[in-house]
């Protein structure tokens, strides 16, 4: 699984426009093959910062996302509402089956 986290600072005077842009992008992206989740959130400490959290089944699915028409439209409109530097981080997540990990290698959970 691939996880992407981003922050997008938005101009206060374009906040509604940015939220509508984010909603359209999220709706279109959720319909893509390989998309597990795709959501924008408003920052609690700064309501003019959008947080983006997305999960993808594979790197191929994420790369396909970058080729979509709605991504192109989003990237064209984004400079009109952004007020600073956009940051993104990408993480590759691997799961381990319980059968593959001997119990003695797993630290105990202490409550």
C-alpha atoms as a PDB file:
ATOM      1  CA  UNK A   1       0.000   0.000   0.000  1.00  0.00           C
ATOM      2  CA  UNK A   2       1.147   3.539  -0.737  1.00  0.00           C
ATOM      3  CA  UNK A   3       0.154   6.416   1.554  1.00  0.00           C
ATOM      4  CA  UNK A   4       0.510  10.052   0.543  1.00  0.00           C
ATOM      5  CA  UNK A   5       0.176  12.950   2.972  1.00  0.00           C
ATOM      6  CA  UNK A   6       0.219  16.568   1.887  1.00  0.00           C
ATOM      7  CA  UNK A   7      -0.382  20.055   3.180  1.00  0.00           C
ATOM      8  CA  UNK A   8      -1.710  22.851   1.010  1.00  0.00           C
ATOM      9  CA  UNK A   9      -1.759  26.412   2.370  1.00  0.00           C
ATOM     10  CA  UNK A  10      -4.653  28.287   0.817  1.00  0.00           C
ATOM     11  CA  UNK A  11      -5.400  31.985   0.413  1.00  0.00           C
ATOM     12  CA  UNK A  12      -8.079  33.088   2.910  1.00  0.00           C
ATOM     13  CA  UNK A  13      -9.897  35.035   0.193  1.00  0.00           C
ATOM     14  CA  UNK A  14     -10.073  31.876  -1.963  1.00  0.00           C
ATOM     15  CA  UNK A  15     -10.997  29.426   0.789  1.00  0.00           C
ATOM     16  CA  UNK A  16     -14.428  28.461  -0.615  1.00  0.00           C
ATOM     17  CA  UNK A  17     -12.983  28.045  -4.097  1.00  0.00           C
ATOM     18  CA  UNK A  18     -10.209  25.819  -2.674  1.00  0.00           C
ATOM     19  CA  UNK A  19     -12.707  23.684  -0.751  1.00  0.00           C
ATOM     20  CA  UNK A  20     -14.848  23.190  -3.876  1.00  0.00           C
ATOM     21  CA  UNK A  21     -11.739  22.261  -5.861  1.00  0.00           C
ATOM     22  CA  UNK A  22     -10.748  19.739  -3.172  1.00  0.00           C
ATOM     23  CA  UNK A  23     -14.251  18.213  -3.093  1.00  0.00           C
ATOM     24  CA  UNK A  24     -14.318  17.735  -6.876  1.00  0.00           C
ATOM     25  CA  UNK A  25     -10.835  16.222  -6.828  1.00  0.00           C
ATOM     26  CA  UNK A  26     -11.668  13.824  -3.993  1.00  0.00           C
ATOM     27  CA  UNK A  27     -14.928  12.669  -5.599  1.00  0.00           C
ATOM     28  CA  UNK A  28     -13.273  11.988  -8.955  1.00  0.00           C
ATOM     29  CA  UNK A  29     -10.232  10.292  -7.446  1.00  0.00           C
ATOM     30  CA  UNK A  30     -12.208   7.923  -5.196  1.00  0.00           C
ATOM     31  CA  UNK A  31     -13.658   6.368  -8.370  1.00  0.00           C
ATOM     32  CA  UNK A  32     -10.193   5.459  -9.674  1.00  0.00           C
ATOM     33  CA  UNK A  33      -9.005   1.869  -9.824  1.00  0.00           C
ATOM     34  CA  UNK A  34      -6.604   1.191  -6.964  1.00  0.00           C
ATOM     35  CA  UNK A  35      -7.697   4.118  -4.791  1.00  0.00           C
ATOM     36  CA  UNK A  36      -8.381   2.950  -1.240  1.00  0.00           C
ATOM     37  CA  UNK A  37      -9.077   6.400   0.216  1.00  0.00           C
ATOM     38  CA  UNK A  38      -8.621  10.030  -0.783  1.00  0.00           C
ATOM     39  CA  UNK A  39      -9.639  12.867   1.550  1.00  0.00           C
ATOM     40  CA  UNK A  40      -8.885  16.486   2.293  1.00  0.00           C
ATOM     41  CA  UNK A  41      -9.128  17.864   5.831  1.00  0.00           C
ATOM     42  CA  UNK A  42      -9.075  21.412   7.194  1.00  0.00           C
ATOM     43  CA  UNK A  43      -6.269  22.048   9.665  1.00  0.00           C
ATOM     44  CA  UNK A  44      -7.387  22.684  13.256  1.00  0.00           C
ATOM     45  CA  UNK A  45      -4.521  25.048  14.009  1.00  0.00           C
ATOM     46  CA  UNK A  46      -4.900  26.848  10.670  1.00  0.00           C
ATOM     47  CA  UNK A  47      -8.232  26.676   8.833  1.00  0.00           C
ATOM     48  CA  UNK A  48      -6.455  27.974   5.739  1.00  0.00           C
ATOM     49  CA  UNK A  49      -4.397  24.807   5.428  1.00  0.00           C
ATOM     50  CA  UNK A  50      -5.793  21.753   3.700  1.00  0.00           C
ATOM     51  CA  UNK A  51      -4.366  18.379   4.612  1.00  0.00           C
ATOM     52  CA  UNK A  52      -4.486  15.646   2.001  1.00  0.00           C
ATOM     53  CA  UNK A  53      -4.447  11.967   2.964  1.00  0.00           C
ATOM     54  CA  UNK A  54      -4.584   9.259   0.327  1.00  0.00           C
ATOM     55  CA  UNK A  55      -4.117   5.485   0.245  1.00  0.00           C
ATOM     56  CA  UNK A  56      -3.382   3.472  -2.900  1.00  0.00           C
ATOM     57  CA  UNK A  57      -3.217  -0.259  -3.529  1.00  0.00           C
ATOM     58  CA  UNK A  58       0.051   0.093  -5.470  1.00  0.00           C
ATOM     59  CA  UNK A  59       2.572   2.512  -6.920  1.00  0.00           C
ATOM     60  CA  UNK A  60       1.141   1.759 -10.372  1.00  0.00           C
ATOM     61  CA  UNK A  61      -2.296   2.927  -9.195  1.00  0.00           C
ATOM     62  CA  UNK A  62      -0.790   6.151  -7.821  1.00  0.00           C
ATOM     63  CA  UNK A  63       1.151   6.765 -11.040  1.00  0.00           C
ATOM     64  CA  UNK A  64      -2.049   6.234 -13.027  1.00  0.00           C
ATOM     65  CA  UNK A  65      -3.719   8.866 -10.859  1.00  0.00           C
ATOM     66  CA  UNK A  66      -1.205  11.451 -12.079  1.00  0.00           C
ATOM     67  CA  UNK A  67      -2.300  10.785 -15.669  1.00  0.00           C
ATOM     68  CA  UNK A  68      -6.007  11.534 -15.128  1.00  0.00           C
ATOM     69  CA  UNK A  69      -7.889  14.479 -16.542  1.00  0.00           C
ATOM     70  CA  UNK A  70      -9.136  15.541 -13.092  1.00  0.00           C
ATOM     71  CA  UNK A  71      -5.545  15.664 -11.806  1.00  0.00           C
ATOM     72  CA  UNK A  72      -4.562  17.898 -14.704  1.00  0.00           C
ATOM     73  CA  UNK A  73      -7.523  20.201 -14.018  1.00  0.00           C
ATOM     74  CA  UNK A  74      -6.700  20.263 -10.290  1.00  0.00           C
ATOM     75  CA  UNK A  75      -3.057  21.173 -10.920  1.00  0.00           C
ATOM     76  CA  UNK A  76      -4.077  23.942 -13.322  1.00  0.00           C
ATOM     77  CA  UNK A  77      -6.506  25.503 -10.821  1.00  0.00           C
ATOM     78  CA  UNK A  78      -4.392  25.026  -7.695  1.00  0.00           C
ATOM     79  CA  UNK A  79      -1.998  28.001  -8.178  1.00  0.00           C
ATOM     80  CA  UNK A  80      -5.008  30.344  -8.071  1.00  0.00           C
ATOM     81  CA  UNK A  81      -5.849  29.361  -4.466  1.00  0.00           C
ATOM     82  CA  UNK A  82      -2.473  28.493  -2.907  1.00  0.00           C
ATOM     83  CA  UNK A  83      -0.708  30.910  -0.564  1.00  0.00           C
ATOM     84  CA  UNK A  84       2.610  29.154   0.021  1.00  0.00           C
ATOM     85  CA  UNK A  85       4.613  25.989  -0.376  1.00  0.00           C
ATOM     86  CA  UNK A  86       2.789  22.692  -0.869  1.00  0.00           C
ATOM     87  CA  UNK A  87       4.433  19.735   0.835  1.00  0.00           C
ATOM     88  CA  UNK A  88       3.864  16.049   0.188  1.00  0.00           C
ATOM     89  CA  UNK A  89       5.311  12.870   1.629  1.00  0.00           C
ATOM     90  CA  UNK A  90       4.885   9.373   0.251  1.00  0.00           C
ATOM     91  CA  UNK A  91       5.144   6.179   2.299  1.00  0.00           C
ATOM     92  CA  UNK A  92       5.266   2.554   1.182  1.00  0.00           C
ATOM     93  CA  UNK A  93       3.537   0.348   3.750  1.00  0.00           C
ATOM     94  CA  UNK A  94       4.122  -3.372   4.045  1.00  0.00           C
ATOM     95  CA  UNK A  95       2.068  -5.677   6.192  1.00  0.00           C
ATOM     96  CA  UNK A  96       3.410  -8.733   7.948  1.00  0.00           C
ATOM     97  CA  UNK A  97       1.200 -11.782   8.350  1.00  0.00           C
ATOM     98  CA  UNK A  98       1.054 -13.189  11.877  1.00  0.00           C
ATOM     99  CA  UNK A  99       2.155 -16.578  10.526  1.00  0.00           C
ATOM    100  CA  UNK A 100       5.382 -15.073   9.169  1.00  0.00           C
ATOM    101  CA  UNK A 101       6.589 -13.450  12.405  1.00  0.00           C
ATOM    102  CA  UNK A 102       7.623 -15.685  15.312  1.00  0.00           C
ATOM    103  CA  UNK A 103       5.971 -14.624  18.576  1.00  0.00           C
ATOM    104  CA  UNK A 104       9.312 -14.116  20.344  1.00  0.00           C
ATOM    105  CA  UNK A 105      10.205 -11.324  17.878  1.00  0.00           C
ATOM    106  CA  UNK A 106       7.084  -9.296  18.631  1.00  0.00           C
ATOM    107  CA  UNK A 107       7.383  -7.074  21.726  1.00  0.00           C
ATOM    108  CA  UNK A 108       4.594  -7.516  24.266  1.00  0.00           C
ATOM    109  CA  UNK A 109       1.881  -4.875  24.542  1.00  0.00           C
ATOM    110  CA  UNK A 110       1.943  -3.215  27.955  1.00  0.00           C
ATOM    111  CA  UNK A 111      -1.150  -1.381  29.146  1.00  0.00           C
END
